[in-house]
């Protein structure tokens, strides 16, 4: 078996605030917040121009690393958390995903979009899968009209656990109103419509086939993980094209380590969507044995700055990992192909 990893070519030119950079002010004396916002606008513009020139890959240029590290600096500055620059940034990020999903549907393999935090969209030739997609109910800087467009383009939503940076009841209802399946742990959003499928066994793996509205079928395995004491479903999702993606949610419980060590015997994982702060990281990766890793959960803006996991720290943690891995900014995608 031979694997080939192919970079996605990102689309769109970016002007965050709609005005030409020539209109940026020349003086900011006694107006430090405006200086920070305009400075961040210019840096973000150059960051994404650099990321487009050096798109996601399993090999890293210094230019790409420096662009991601520049994002760390902006997203760890709490003075920017309520800024229009941040809101404009998210509009750009989500527009990138929407435009690419609409215009460049893959004919081979899967494309994996990093939307925000540990939220991803997986697109194959036949299905589009959303995982832990969130909207404005907790994240004021996200525009729900854009989330609606992502839902229109998706076939199903998976939610790993109840925490608000992963589970958004309003987003789930938007899926259900379109008669699209919402896969959630048992105990979350009970007594909703029949479009909600509750899956959880406290001690065993659940294996289930899910038929989507387009008559395509997903094969899924649900592993009974936890974040501390909160039930956290680890999903292994196999597309009709027989490619399997595993999403860890926020798995973090030492009592689960014994069965996690056996996961490579339970499922053959093509792509592991791994939260970057997972405890016992190297052991978990070796236990799952994926062909490719894509990290998530960097720079979660609802966290304090000491837990807004920066990209530079993810790179440092991954130094000892021999499995190919990709570290992406929000709005980027990676095209994974498997050649037998």
C-alpha atoms as a PDB file:
ATOM      1  CA  UNK A   1       0.000   0.000   0.000  1.00  0.00           C
ATOM      2  CA  UNK A   2       1.340   3.384  -0.948  1.00  0.00           C
ATOM      3  CA  UNK A   3       0.047   6.721   0.288  1.00  0.00           C
ATOM      4  CA  UNK A   4       0.253  10.038  -1.423  1.00  0.00           C
ATOM      5  CA  UNK A   5      -0.454  13.330   0.272  1.00  0.00           C
ATOM      6  CA  UNK A   6      -1.476  16.148  -2.007  1.00  0.00           C
ATOM      7  CA  UNK A   7      -1.712  19.779  -0.933  1.00  0.00           C
ATOM      8  CA  UNK A   8      -4.903  21.745  -1.479  1.00  0.00           C
ATOM      9  CA  UNK A   9      -4.460  24.925  -3.416  1.00  0.00           C
ATOM     10  CA  UNK A  10      -6.204  27.646  -1.437  1.00  0.00           C
ATOM     11  CA  UNK A  11      -8.472  30.115  -3.192  1.00  0.00           C
ATOM     12  CA  UNK A  12      -9.302  33.790  -2.858  1.00  0.00           C
ATOM     13  CA  UNK A  13      -7.415  37.011  -2.491  1.00  0.00           C
ATOM     14  CA  UNK A  14      -8.031  38.743   0.780  1.00  0.00           C
ATOM     15  CA  UNK A  15      -8.911  42.278   1.756  1.00  0.00           C
ATOM     16  CA  UNK A  16     -10.085  42.076   5.370  1.00  0.00           C
ATOM     17  CA  UNK A  17     -11.679  45.488   5.771  1.00  0.00           C
ATOM     18  CA  UNK A  18     -12.682  46.187   2.213  1.00  0.00           C
ATOM     19  CA  UNK A  19     -10.512  49.295   2.005  1.00  0.00           C
ATOM     20  CA  UNK A  20      -7.216  49.544   0.216  1.00  0.00           C
ATOM     21  CA  UNK A  21      -4.159  49.527   2.430  1.00  0.00           C
ATOM     22  CA  UNK A  22      -3.454  53.049   1.168  1.00  0.00           C
ATOM     23  CA  UNK A  23      -6.241  54.190   3.498  1.00  0.00           C
ATOM     24  CA  UNK A  24      -4.488  52.915   6.617  1.00  0.00           C
ATOM     25  CA  UNK A  25      -3.831  55.837   8.928  1.00  0.00           C
ATOM     26  CA  UNK A  26      -0.429  57.438   9.265  1.00  0.00           C
ATOM     27  CA  UNK A  27      -0.621  58.484  12.940  1.00  0.00           C
ATOM     28  CA  UNK A  28      -2.057  56.723  16.017  1.00  0.00           C
ATOM     29  CA  UNK A  29      -0.979  58.908  18.928  1.00  0.00           C
ATOM     30  CA  UNK A  30      -3.385  58.364  21.876  1.00  0.00           C
ATOM     31  CA  UNK A  31      -5.288  55.722  19.914  1.00  0.00           C
ATOM     32  CA  UNK A  32      -3.482  52.454  20.678  1.00  0.00           C
ATOM     33  CA  UNK A  33      -6.444  50.174  19.949  1.00  0.00           C
ATOM     34  CA  UNK A  34      -6.728  51.464  16.394  1.00  0.00           C
ATOM     35  CA  UNK A  35      -3.023  50.924  15.925  1.00  0.00           C
ATOM     36  CA  UNK A  36      -3.317  47.327  17.126  1.00  0.00           C
ATOM     37  CA  UNK A  37      -6.278  46.645  14.851  1.00  0.00           C
ATOM     38  CA  UNK A  38      -4.688  48.143  11.735  1.00  0.00           C
ATOM     39  CA  UNK A  39      -1.394  46.434  12.525  1.00  0.00           C
ATOM     40  CA  UNK A  40      -3.161  43.085  12.902  1.00  0.00           C
ATOM     41  CA  UNK A  41      -5.043  43.630   9.640  1.00  0.00           C
ATOM     42  CA  UNK A  42      -1.808  44.132   7.728  1.00  0.00           C
ATOM     43  CA  UNK A  43      -0.101  41.158   9.421  1.00  0.00           C
ATOM     44  CA  UNK A  44      -3.076  38.860   8.737  1.00  0.00           C
ATOM     45  CA  UNK A  45      -3.076  39.913   5.091  1.00  0.00           C
ATOM     46  CA  UNK A  46       0.594  38.981   4.737  1.00  0.00           C
ATOM     47  CA  UNK A  47       0.125  35.782   6.763  1.00  0.00           C
ATOM     48  CA  UNK A  48      -2.443  34.362   4.344  1.00  0.00           C
ATOM     49  CA  UNK A  49      -0.549  35.505   1.273  1.00  0.00           C
ATOM     50  CA  UNK A  50       2.396  33.526   2.656  1.00  0.00           C
ATOM     51  CA  UNK A  51       0.228  30.507   3.541  1.00  0.00           C
ATOM     52  CA  UNK A  52      -1.217  30.499   0.018  1.00  0.00           C
ATOM     53  CA  UNK A  53       2.294  30.549  -1.402  1.00  0.00           C
ATOM     54  CA  UNK A  54       3.361  27.725   0.945  1.00  0.00           C
ATOM     55  CA  UNK A  55       0.159  25.652   1.341  1.00  0.00           C
ATOM     56  CA  UNK A  56      -0.384  22.804   3.833  1.00  0.00           C
ATOM     57  CA  UNK A  57       2.145  20.013   3.462  1.00  0.00           C
ATOM     58  CA  UNK A  58       3.876  17.353   5.515  1.00  0.00           C
ATOM     59  CA  UNK A  59       7.127  19.233   4.870  1.00  0.00           C
ATOM     60  CA  UNK A  60       7.478  22.672   6.432  1.00  0.00           C
ATOM     61  CA  UNK A  61       9.201  25.740   5.081  1.00  0.00           C
ATOM     62  CA  UNK A  62      10.438  28.410   7.451  1.00  0.00           C
ATOM     63  CA  UNK A  63       8.115  30.849   5.681  1.00  0.00           C
ATOM     64  CA  UNK A  64       5.033  28.777   6.512  1.00  0.00           C
ATOM     65  CA  UNK A  65       6.104  28.304  10.111  1.00  0.00           C
ATOM     66  CA  UNK A  66       6.712  32.024  10.547  1.00  0.00           C
ATOM     67  CA  UNK A  67       3.256  32.793   9.131  1.00  0.00           C
ATOM     68  CA  UNK A  68       1.605  30.436  11.629  1.00  0.00           C
ATOM     69  CA  UNK A  69       3.687  31.860  14.477  1.00  0.00           C
ATOM     70  CA  UNK A  70       2.515  35.348  13.471  1.00  0.00           C
ATOM     71  CA  UNK A  71      -1.076  34.131  13.952  1.00  0.00           C
ATOM     72  CA  UNK A  72      -0.111  33.018  17.467  1.00  0.00           C
ATOM     73  CA  UNK A  73       0.941  36.558  18.310  1.00  0.00           C
ATOM     74  CA  UNK A  74      -2.352  38.108  17.184  1.00  0.00           C
ATOM     75  CA  UNK A  75      -4.617  35.403  18.621  1.00  0.00           C
ATOM     76  CA  UNK A  76      -2.897  35.463  22.016  1.00  0.00           C
ATOM     77  CA  UNK A  77      -3.487  39.199  22.407  1.00  0.00           C
ATOM     78  CA  UNK A  78      -6.749  39.473  24.361  1.00  0.00           C
ATOM     79  CA  UNK A  79      -7.086  43.138  23.332  1.00  0.00           C
ATOM     80  CA  UNK A  80      -8.060  41.813  19.903  1.00  0.00           C
ATOM     81  CA  UNK A  81     -10.794  39.485  21.195  1.00  0.00           C
ATOM     82  CA  UNK A  82     -13.567  42.060  20.777  1.00  0.00           C
ATOM     83  CA  UNK A  83     -12.177  43.827  17.712  1.00  0.00           C
ATOM     84  CA  UNK A  84     -13.762  44.209  14.302  1.00  0.00           C
ATOM     85  CA  UNK A  85     -10.442  43.004  12.886  1.00  0.00           C
ATOM     86  CA  UNK A  86     -11.124  39.619  14.485  1.00  0.00           C
ATOM     87  CA  UNK A  87     -14.675  39.519  13.118  1.00  0.00           C
ATOM     88  CA  UNK A  88     -13.454  40.442   9.631  1.00  0.00           C
ATOM     89  CA  UNK A  89     -10.782  37.770   9.917  1.00  0.00           C
ATOM     90  CA  UNK A  90     -13.405  35.107  10.622  1.00  0.00           C
ATOM     91  CA  UNK A  91     -15.498  36.292   7.701  1.00  0.00           C
ATOM     92  CA  UNK A  92     -12.504  35.777   5.461  1.00  0.00           C
ATOM     93  CA  UNK A  93     -11.709  32.355   6.950  1.00  0.00           C
ATOM     94  CA  UNK A  94     -15.256  31.033   6.504  1.00  0.00           C
ATOM     95  CA  UNK A  95     -15.585  32.515   3.022  1.00  0.00           C
ATOM     96  CA  UNK A  96     -12.466  30.600   1.997  1.00  0.00           C
ATOM     97  CA  UNK A  97     -14.033  27.321   3.090  1.00  0.00           C
ATOM     98  CA  UNK A  98     -17.395  28.096   1.481  1.00  0.00           C
ATOM     99  CA  UNK A  99     -15.866  29.151  -1.847  1.00  0.00           C
ATOM    100  CA  UNK A 100     -13.635  26.114  -2.041  1.00  0.00           C
ATOM    101  CA  UNK A 101     -16.378  23.650  -1.107  1.00  0.00           C
ATOM    102  CA  UNK A 102     -18.575  25.139  -3.815  1.00  0.00           C
ATOM    103  CA  UNK A 103     -16.046  25.393  -6.605  1.00  0.00           C
ATOM    104  CA  UNK A 104     -13.575  22.556  -6.341  1.00  0.00           C
ATOM    105  CA  UNK A 105     -15.289  19.365  -5.224  1.00  0.00           C
ATOM    106  CA  UNK A 106     -12.787  16.547  -5.105  1.00  0.00           C
ATOM    107  CA  UNK A 107     -12.976  13.596  -7.495  1.00  0.00           C
ATOM    108  CA  UNK A 108     -10.390  11.552  -5.597  1.00  0.00           C
ATOM    109  CA  UNK A 109      -9.533  11.073  -1.968  1.00  0.00           C
ATOM    110  CA  UNK A 110     -10.817  13.507   0.638  1.00  0.00           C
ATOM    111  CA  UNK A 111     -10.311  17.163   1.334  1.00  0.00           C
ATOM    112  CA  UNK A 112     -10.130  18.133   4.990  1.00  0.00           C
ATOM    113  CA  UNK A 113     -10.952  21.735   5.878  1.00  0.00           C
ATOM    114  CA  UNK A 114      -9.954  23.270   9.182  1.00  0.00           C
ATOM    115  CA  UNK A 115     -12.838  25.602   9.998  1.00  0.00           C
ATOM    116  CA  UNK A 116     -12.172  26.813  13.542  1.00  0.00           C
ATOM    117  CA  UNK A 117     -10.773  25.336  16.736  1.00  0.00           C
ATOM    118  CA  UNK A 118     -11.315  21.537  16.445  1.00  0.00           C
ATOM    119  CA  UNK A 119     -14.076  21.933  13.887  1.00  0.00           C
ATOM    120  CA  UNK A 120     -13.486  20.303  10.505  1.00  0.00           C
ATOM    121  CA  UNK A 121     -15.330  19.613   7.277  1.00  0.00           C
ATOM    122  CA  UNK A 122     -14.445  16.460   5.336  1.00  0.00           C
ATOM    123  CA  UNK A 123     -15.363  16.350   1.662  1.00  0.00           C
ATOM    124  CA  UNK A 124     -15.192  13.261  -0.526  1.00  0.00           C
ATOM    125  CA  UNK A 125     -16.624  12.760  -3.990  1.00  0.00           C
ATOM    126  CA  UNK A 126     -19.956  11.592  -2.547  1.00  0.00           C
ATOM    127  CA  UNK A 127     -20.350  13.111   0.951  1.00  0.00           C
ATOM    128  CA  UNK A 128     -19.505  16.199   2.993  1.00  0.00           C
ATOM    129  CA  UNK A 129     -19.150  15.684   6.751  1.00  0.00           C
ATOM    130  CA  UNK A 130     -19.036  18.395   9.430  1.00  0.00           C
ATOM    131  CA  UNK A 131     -17.537  17.727  12.859  1.00  0.00           C
ATOM    132  CA  UNK A 132     -17.821  20.019  15.910  1.00  0.00           C
ATOM    133  CA  UNK A 133     -19.020  22.987  13.855  1.00  0.00           C
ATOM    134  CA  UNK A 134     -19.951  25.993  16.003  1.00  0.00           C
ATOM    135  CA  UNK A 135     -21.656  29.327  15.384  1.00  0.00           C
ATOM    136  CA  UNK A 136     -22.375  32.640  17.068  1.00  0.00           C
ATOM    137  CA  UNK A 137     -24.085  31.394  20.234  1.00  0.00           C
ATOM    138  CA  UNK A 138     -20.716  31.315  22.000  1.00  0.00           C
ATOM    139  CA  UNK A 139     -18.467  32.891  19.392  1.00  0.00           C
ATOM    140  CA  UNK A 140     -19.671  36.421  18.571  1.00  0.00           C
ATOM    141  CA  UNK A 141     -17.146  36.797  15.774  1.00  0.00           C
ATOM    142  CA  UNK A 142     -18.712  33.959  13.715  1.00  0.00           C
ATOM    143  CA  UNK A 143     -21.463  34.925  11.268  1.00  0.00           C
ATOM    144  CA  UNK A 144     -24.342  32.436  11.301  1.00  0.00           C
ATOM    145  CA  UNK A 145     -25.244  33.274   7.701  1.00  0.00           C
ATOM    146  CA  UNK A 146     -21.892  31.771   6.741  1.00  0.00           C
ATOM    147  CA  UNK A 147     -22.501  28.787   9.005  1.00  0.00           C
ATOM    148  CA  UNK A 148     -25.817  28.313   7.193  1.00  0.00           C
ATOM    149  CA  UNK A 149     -23.950  28.148   3.882  1.00  0.00           C
ATOM    150  CA  UNK A 150     -21.607  25.508   5.328  1.00  0.00           C
ATOM    151  CA  UNK A 151     -24.627  23.520   6.511  1.00  0.00           C
ATOM    152  CA  UNK A 152     -26.206  23.797   3.058  1.00  0.00           C
ATOM    153  CA  UNK A 153     -23.020  22.263   1.645  1.00  0.00           C
ATOM    154  CA  UNK A 154     -22.793  19.475   4.272  1.00  0.00           C
ATOM    155  CA  UNK A 155     -24.666  16.171   4.596  1.00  0.00           C
ATOM    156  CA  UNK A 156     -24.261  15.356   8.293  1.00  0.00           C
ATOM    157  CA  UNK A 157     -22.982  16.787  11.595  1.00  0.00           C
ATOM    158  CA  UNK A 158     -20.981  14.892  14.224  1.00  0.00           C
ATOM    159  CA  UNK A 159     -20.608  16.337  17.742  1.00  0.00           C
ATOM    160  CA  UNK A 160     -18.005  14.799  20.041  1.00  0.00           C
ATOM    161  CA  UNK A 161     -19.060  16.157  23.452  1.00  0.00           C
ATOM    162  CA  UNK A 162     -21.171  18.769  25.176  1.00  0.00           C
ATOM    163  CA  UNK A 163     -18.646  21.611  25.680  1.00  0.00           C
ATOM    164  CA  UNK A 164     -19.662  24.803  23.930  1.00  0.00           C
ATOM    165  CA  UNK A 165     -16.551  25.090  21.771  1.00  0.00           C
ATOM    166  CA  UNK A 166     -17.568  21.769  20.165  1.00  0.00           C
ATOM    167  CA  UNK A 167     -21.356  21.527  20.607  1.00  0.00           C
ATOM    168  CA  UNK A 168     -23.632  24.306  19.416  1.00  0.00           C
ATOM    169  CA  UNK A 169     -27.340  23.554  19.808  1.00  0.00           C
ATOM    170  CA  UNK A 170     -28.350  26.232  17.294  1.00  0.00           C
ATOM    171  CA  UNK A 171     -26.048  24.790  14.619  1.00  0.00           C
ATOM    172  CA  UNK A 172     -27.318  21.277  15.307  1.00  0.00           C
ATOM    173  CA  UNK A 173     -30.918  22.452  14.930  1.00  0.00           C
ATOM    174  CA  UNK A 174     -30.031  24.116  11.622  1.00  0.00           C
ATOM    175  CA  UNK A 175     -28.856  20.712  10.356  1.00  0.00           C
ATOM    176  CA  UNK A 176     -31.948  18.927  11.703  1.00  0.00           C
ATOM    177  CA  UNK A 177     -34.313  21.451  10.111  1.00  0.00           C
ATOM    178  CA  UNK A 178     -32.851  20.439   6.751  1.00  0.00           C
ATOM    179  CA  UNK A 179     -33.585  16.794   7.603  1.00  0.00           C
ATOM    180  CA  UNK A 180     -29.872  16.128   7.975  1.00  0.00           C
ATOM    181  CA  UNK A 181     -28.549  13.699  10.574  1.00  0.00           C
ATOM    182  CA  UNK A 182     -26.902  14.989  13.769  1.00  0.00           C
ATOM    183  CA  UNK A 183     -24.752  12.370  15.528  1.00  0.00           C
ATOM    184  CA  UNK A 184     -24.229  13.138  19.232  1.00  0.00           C
ATOM    185  CA  UNK A 185     -23.378  11.360  22.489  1.00  0.00           C
ATOM    186  CA  UNK A 186     -26.296   9.957  24.447  1.00  0.00           C
ATOM    187  CA  UNK A 187     -27.394  12.502  27.034  1.00  0.00           C
ATOM    188  CA  UNK A 188     -26.874  15.533  24.821  1.00  0.00           C
ATOM    189  CA  UNK A 189     -29.952  17.246  23.318  1.00  0.00           C
ATOM    190  CA  UNK A 190     -32.327  14.426  24.155  1.00  0.00           C
ATOM    191  CA  UNK A 191     -35.982  14.638  23.061  1.00  0.00           C
ATOM    192  CA  UNK A 192     -35.040  16.432  19.868  1.00  0.00           C
ATOM    193  CA  UNK A 193     -36.242  15.389  16.425  1.00  0.00           C
ATOM    194  CA  UNK A 194     -35.680  11.991  14.879  1.00  0.00           C
ATOM    195  CA  UNK A 195     -32.809  13.505  12.916  1.00  0.00           C
ATOM    196  CA  UNK A 196     -30.707  13.344  16.101  1.00  0.00           C
ATOM    197  CA  UNK A 197     -28.943  10.008  16.523  1.00  0.00           C
ATOM    198  CA  UNK A 198     -27.623   9.427  20.051  1.00  0.00           C
ATOM    199  CA  UNK A 199     -24.716   7.005  20.245  1.00  0.00           C
ATOM    200  CA  UNK A 200     -22.827   6.079  23.372  1.00  0.00           C
ATOM    201  CA  UNK A 201     -21.890   2.956  25.286  1.00  0.00           C
ATOM    202  CA  UNK A 202     -19.936   3.530  28.488  1.00  0.00           C
ATOM    203  CA  UNK A 203     -17.791   0.421  28.077  1.00  0.00           C
ATOM    204  CA  UNK A 204     -17.943  -0.809  24.478  1.00  0.00           C
ATOM    205  CA  UNK A 205     -17.415   0.303  20.912  1.00  0.00           C
ATOM    206  CA  UNK A 206     -20.526   0.998  18.853  1.00  0.00           C
ATOM    207  CA  UNK A 207     -20.429   0.087  15.158  1.00  0.00           C
ATOM    208  CA  UNK A 208     -23.206   1.558  13.034  1.00  0.00           C
ATOM    209  CA  UNK A 209     -24.098   2.361   9.445  1.00  0.00           C
ATOM    210  CA  UNK A 210     -25.669   5.777   8.885  1.00  0.00           C
ATOM    211  CA  UNK A 211     -27.687   6.402   5.726  1.00  0.00           C
ATOM    212  CA  UNK A 212     -27.663  10.066   4.732  1.00  0.00           C
ATOM    213  CA  UNK A 213     -30.283  12.057   2.876  1.00  0.00           C
ATOM    214  CA  UNK A 214     -28.422  11.570  -0.406  1.00  0.00           C
ATOM    215  CA  UNK A 215     -28.708   7.778   0.156  1.00  0.00           C
ATOM    216  CA  UNK A 216     -24.964   7.537   0.723  1.00  0.00           C
ATOM    217  CA  UNK A 217     -23.868   5.414   3.665  1.00  0.00           C
ATOM    218  CA  UNK A 218     -21.256   6.086   6.305  1.00  0.00           C
ATOM    219  CA  UNK A 219     -19.762   3.333   8.414  1.00  0.00           C
ATOM    220  CA  UNK A 220     -18.876   4.636  11.860  1.00  0.00           C
ATOM    221  CA  UNK A 221     -17.299   3.358  15.024  1.00  0.00           C
ATOM    222  CA  UNK A 222     -17.879   5.242  18.268  1.00  0.00           C
ATOM    223  CA  UNK A 223     -15.321   4.774  21.047  1.00  0.00           C
ATOM    224  CA  UNK A 224     -16.327   5.725  24.637  1.00  0.00           C
ATOM    225  CA  UNK A 225     -13.796   8.424  25.472  1.00  0.00           C
ATOM    226  CA  UNK A 226     -13.889  11.159  28.101  1.00  0.00           C
ATOM    227  CA  UNK A 227     -12.622  14.646  28.768  1.00  0.00           C
ATOM    228  CA  UNK A 228     -12.115  14.288  32.493  1.00  0.00           C
ATOM    229  CA  UNK A 229     -15.584  12.957  33.454  1.00  0.00           C
ATOM    230  CA  UNK A 230     -17.449  14.363  30.449  1.00  0.00           C
ATOM    231  CA  UNK A 231     -18.412  11.713  27.853  1.00  0.00           C
ATOM    232  CA  UNK A 232     -16.393  12.366  24.698  1.00  0.00           C
ATOM    233  CA  UNK A 233     -17.134  10.274  21.619  1.00  0.00           C
ATOM    234  CA  UNK A 234     -14.124   9.398  19.507  1.00  0.00           C
ATOM    235  CA  UNK A 235     -15.530   8.860  16.014  1.00  0.00           C
ATOM    236  CA  UNK A 236     -13.978   6.769  13.251  1.00  0.00           C
ATOM    237  CA  UNK A 237     -15.938   7.674  10.110  1.00  0.00           C
ATOM    238  CA  UNK A 238     -15.529   5.689   6.887  1.00  0.00           C
ATOM    239  CA  UNK A 239     -16.736   7.356   3.692  1.00  0.00           C
ATOM    240  CA  UNK A 240     -18.370   5.488   0.781  1.00  0.00           C
ATOM    241  CA  UNK A 241     -14.943   5.721  -0.877  1.00  0.00           C
ATOM    242  CA  UNK A 242     -13.553   3.589   1.990  1.00  0.00           C
ATOM    243  CA  UNK A 243     -11.380   6.289   3.563  1.00  0.00           C
ATOM    244  CA  UNK A 244     -11.490   6.537   7.353  1.00  0.00           C
ATOM    245  CA  UNK A 245     -11.093   9.692   9.425  1.00  0.00           C
ATOM    246  CA  UNK A 246     -10.885   9.589  13.223  1.00  0.00           C
ATOM    247  CA  UNK A 247     -11.694  12.674  15.325  1.00  0.00           C
ATOM    248  CA  UNK A 248     -10.482  12.682  18.932  1.00  0.00           C
ATOM    249  CA  UNK A 249     -12.777  15.367  20.308  1.00  0.00           C
ATOM    250  CA  UNK A 250     -11.164  16.509  23.560  1.00  0.00           C
ATOM    251  CA  UNK A 251     -10.069  13.069  24.753  1.00  0.00           C
ATOM    252  CA  UNK A 252      -8.287  13.467  28.100  1.00  0.00           C
ATOM    253  CA  UNK A 253      -8.765  10.760  30.715  1.00  0.00           C
ATOM    254  CA  UNK A 254      -6.016   8.472  31.971  1.00  0.00           C
ATOM    255  CA  UNK A 255      -8.501   5.653  32.659  1.00  0.00           C
ATOM    256  CA  UNK A 256      -9.124   5.329  28.907  1.00  0.00           C
ATOM    257  CA  UNK A 257      -5.482   4.699  28.051  1.00  0.00           C
ATOM    258  CA  UNK A 258      -5.773   0.904  28.221  1.00  0.00           C
ATOM    259  CA  UNK A 259      -8.353   0.629  25.435  1.00  0.00           C
ATOM    260  CA  UNK A 260      -6.855   3.475  23.401  1.00  0.00           C
ATOM    261  CA  UNK A 261      -3.707   1.349  23.153  1.00  0.00           C
ATOM    262  CA  UNK A 262      -5.774  -1.200  21.199  1.00  0.00           C
ATOM    263  CA  UNK A 263      -7.339   1.172  18.678  1.00  0.00           C
ATOM    264  CA  UNK A 264      -5.016   0.214  15.821  1.00  0.00           C
ATOM    265  CA  UNK A 265      -6.558  -3.268  16.066  1.00  0.00           C
ATOM    266  CA  UNK A 266     -10.101  -1.850  15.981  1.00  0.00           C
ATOM    267  CA  UNK A 267      -9.891   0.387  12.926  1.00  0.00           C
ATOM    268  CA  UNK A 268      -7.492   1.242  10.114  1.00  0.00           C
ATOM    269  CA  UNK A 269      -7.263   5.038  10.217  1.00  0.00           C
ATOM    270  CA  UNK A 270      -6.270   7.094   7.207  1.00  0.00           C
ATOM    271  CA  UNK A 271      -6.403  10.548   8.821  1.00  0.00           C
ATOM    272  CA  UNK A 272      -6.391  11.353  12.527  1.00  0.00           C
ATOM    273  CA  UNK A 273      -7.852  14.740  13.506  1.00  0.00           C
ATOM    274  CA  UNK A 274      -5.989  15.168  16.762  1.00  0.00           C
ATOM    275  CA  UNK A 275      -6.425  17.898  19.376  1.00  0.00           C
ATOM    276  CA  UNK A 276      -2.970  19.302  19.868  1.00  0.00           C
ATOM    277  CA  UNK A 277      -3.027  19.219  23.675  1.00  0.00           C
ATOM    278  CA  UNK A 278      -4.002  15.541  24.003  1.00  0.00           C
ATOM    279  CA  UNK A 279      -2.260  13.942  27.012  1.00  0.00           C
ATOM    280  CA  UNK A 280       0.182  11.124  26.271  1.00  0.00           C
ATOM    281  CA  UNK A 281       0.312  12.380  22.706  1.00  0.00           C
ATOM    282  CA  UNK A 282       2.974  10.099  21.276  1.00  0.00           C
ATOM    283  CA  UNK A 283       1.487   7.010  22.911  1.00  0.00           C
ATOM    284  CA  UNK A 284      -1.962   7.813  21.521  1.00  0.00           C
ATOM    285  CA  UNK A 285      -0.630   8.350  18.000  1.00  0.00           C
ATOM    286  CA  UNK A 286       1.292   5.089  18.069  1.00  0.00           C
ATOM    287  CA  UNK A 287      -1.773   3.299  19.424  1.00  0.00           C
ATOM    288  CA  UNK A 288      -4.045   4.597  16.653  1.00  0.00           C
ATOM    289  CA  UNK A 289      -1.377   4.276  13.934  1.00  0.00           C
ATOM    290  CA  UNK A 290      -2.870   6.706  11.390  1.00  0.00           C
ATOM    291  CA  UNK A 291      -1.386   7.312   7.957  1.00  0.00           C
ATOM    292  CA  UNK A 292      -1.647  11.084   8.428  1.00  0.00           C
ATOM    293  CA  UNK A 293      -2.262  13.452  11.337  1.00  0.00           C
ATOM    294  CA  UNK A 294      -3.938  16.844  11.127  1.00  0.00           C
ATOM    295  CA  UNK A 295      -3.855  18.816  14.361  1.00  0.00           C
ATOM    296  CA  UNK A 296      -6.640  20.968  15.754  1.00  0.00           C
ATOM    297  CA  UNK A 297      -7.647  23.076  18.753  1.00  0.00           C
ATOM    298  CA  UNK A 298      -4.864  25.640  18.393  1.00  0.00           C
ATOM    299  CA  UNK A 299      -5.717  29.196  19.461  1.00  0.00           C
ATOM    300  CA  UNK A 300      -9.213  28.519  20.881  1.00  0.00           C
ATOM    301  CA  UNK A 301     -10.272  32.081  21.669  1.00  0.00           C
ATOM    302  CA  UNK A 302     -12.601  31.157  24.537  1.00  0.00           C
ATOM    303  CA  UNK A 303      -9.621  29.847  26.493  1.00  0.00           C
ATOM    304  CA  UNK A 304      -7.244  31.861  28.643  1.00  0.00           C
ATOM    305  CA  UNK A 305      -4.010  32.658  26.822  1.00  0.00           C
ATOM    306  CA  UNK A 306      -2.108  29.898  28.645  1.00  0.00           C
ATOM    307  CA  UNK A 307      -4.508  27.356  27.077  1.00  0.00           C
ATOM    308  CA  UNK A 308      -4.791  28.942  23.625  1.00  0.00           C
ATOM    309  CA  UNK A 309      -2.415  26.319  22.358  1.00  0.00           C
ATOM    310  CA  UNK A 310      -0.057  28.148  19.947  1.00  0.00           C
ATOM    311  CA  UNK A 311       1.149  26.714  16.663  1.00  0.00           C
ATOM    312  CA  UNK A 312       4.764  26.955  17.791  1.00  0.00           C
ATOM    313  CA  UNK A 313       3.964  24.675  20.720  1.00  0.00           C
ATOM    314  CA  UNK A 314       2.232  22.150  18.438  1.00  0.00           C
ATOM    315  CA  UNK A 315       5.329  22.063  16.250  1.00  0.00           C
ATOM    316  CA  UNK A 316       7.447  21.480  19.343  1.00  0.00           C
ATOM    317  CA  UNK A 317       5.211  18.611  20.514  1.00  0.00           C
ATOM    318  CA  UNK A 318       5.275  16.963  17.096  1.00  0.00           C
ATOM    319  CA  UNK A 319       9.084  16.932  16.796  1.00  0.00           C
ATOM    320  CA  UNK A 320       9.321  13.337  17.977  1.00  0.00           C
ATOM    321  CA  UNK A 321       6.386  12.082  15.869  1.00  0.00           C
ATOM    322  CA  UNK A 322       7.388   9.976  12.866  1.00  0.00           C
ATOM    323  CA  UNK A 323       3.893   9.812  11.313  1.00  0.00           C
ATOM    324  CA  UNK A 324       3.386  12.467   8.586  1.00  0.00           C
ATOM    325  CA  UNK A 325       1.488  15.436  10.005  1.00  0.00           C
ATOM    326  CA  UNK A 326      -0.053  18.669   8.774  1.00  0.00           C
ATOM    327  CA  UNK A 327      -0.596  21.827  10.820  1.00  0.00           C
ATOM    328  CA  UNK A 328      -3.117  24.190   9.257  1.00  0.00           C
ATOM    329  CA  UNK A 329      -4.540  27.650   9.837  1.00  0.00           C
ATOM    330  CA  UNK A 330      -8.292  28.206   9.888  1.00  0.00           C
ATOM    331  CA  UNK A 331      -9.725  28.321   6.392  1.00  0.00           C
ATOM    332  CA  UNK A 332      -7.112  26.021   4.862  1.00  0.00           C
ATOM    333  CA  UNK A 333      -7.590  22.497   3.576  1.00  0.00           C
ATOM    334  CA  UNK A 334      -5.455  19.473   2.832  1.00  0.00           C
ATOM    335  CA  UNK A 335      -6.177  16.970   0.077  1.00  0.00           C
ATOM    336  CA  UNK A 336      -5.464  13.406   1.135  1.00  0.00           C
ATOM    337  CA  UNK A 337      -5.216  10.695  -1.478  1.00  0.00           C
ATOM    338  CA  UNK A 338      -4.574   7.021  -0.874  1.00  0.00           C
ATOM    339  CA  UNK A 339      -3.134   4.976  -3.723  1.00  0.00           C
ATOM    340  CA  UNK A 340      -3.242   1.203  -3.447  1.00  0.00           C
END
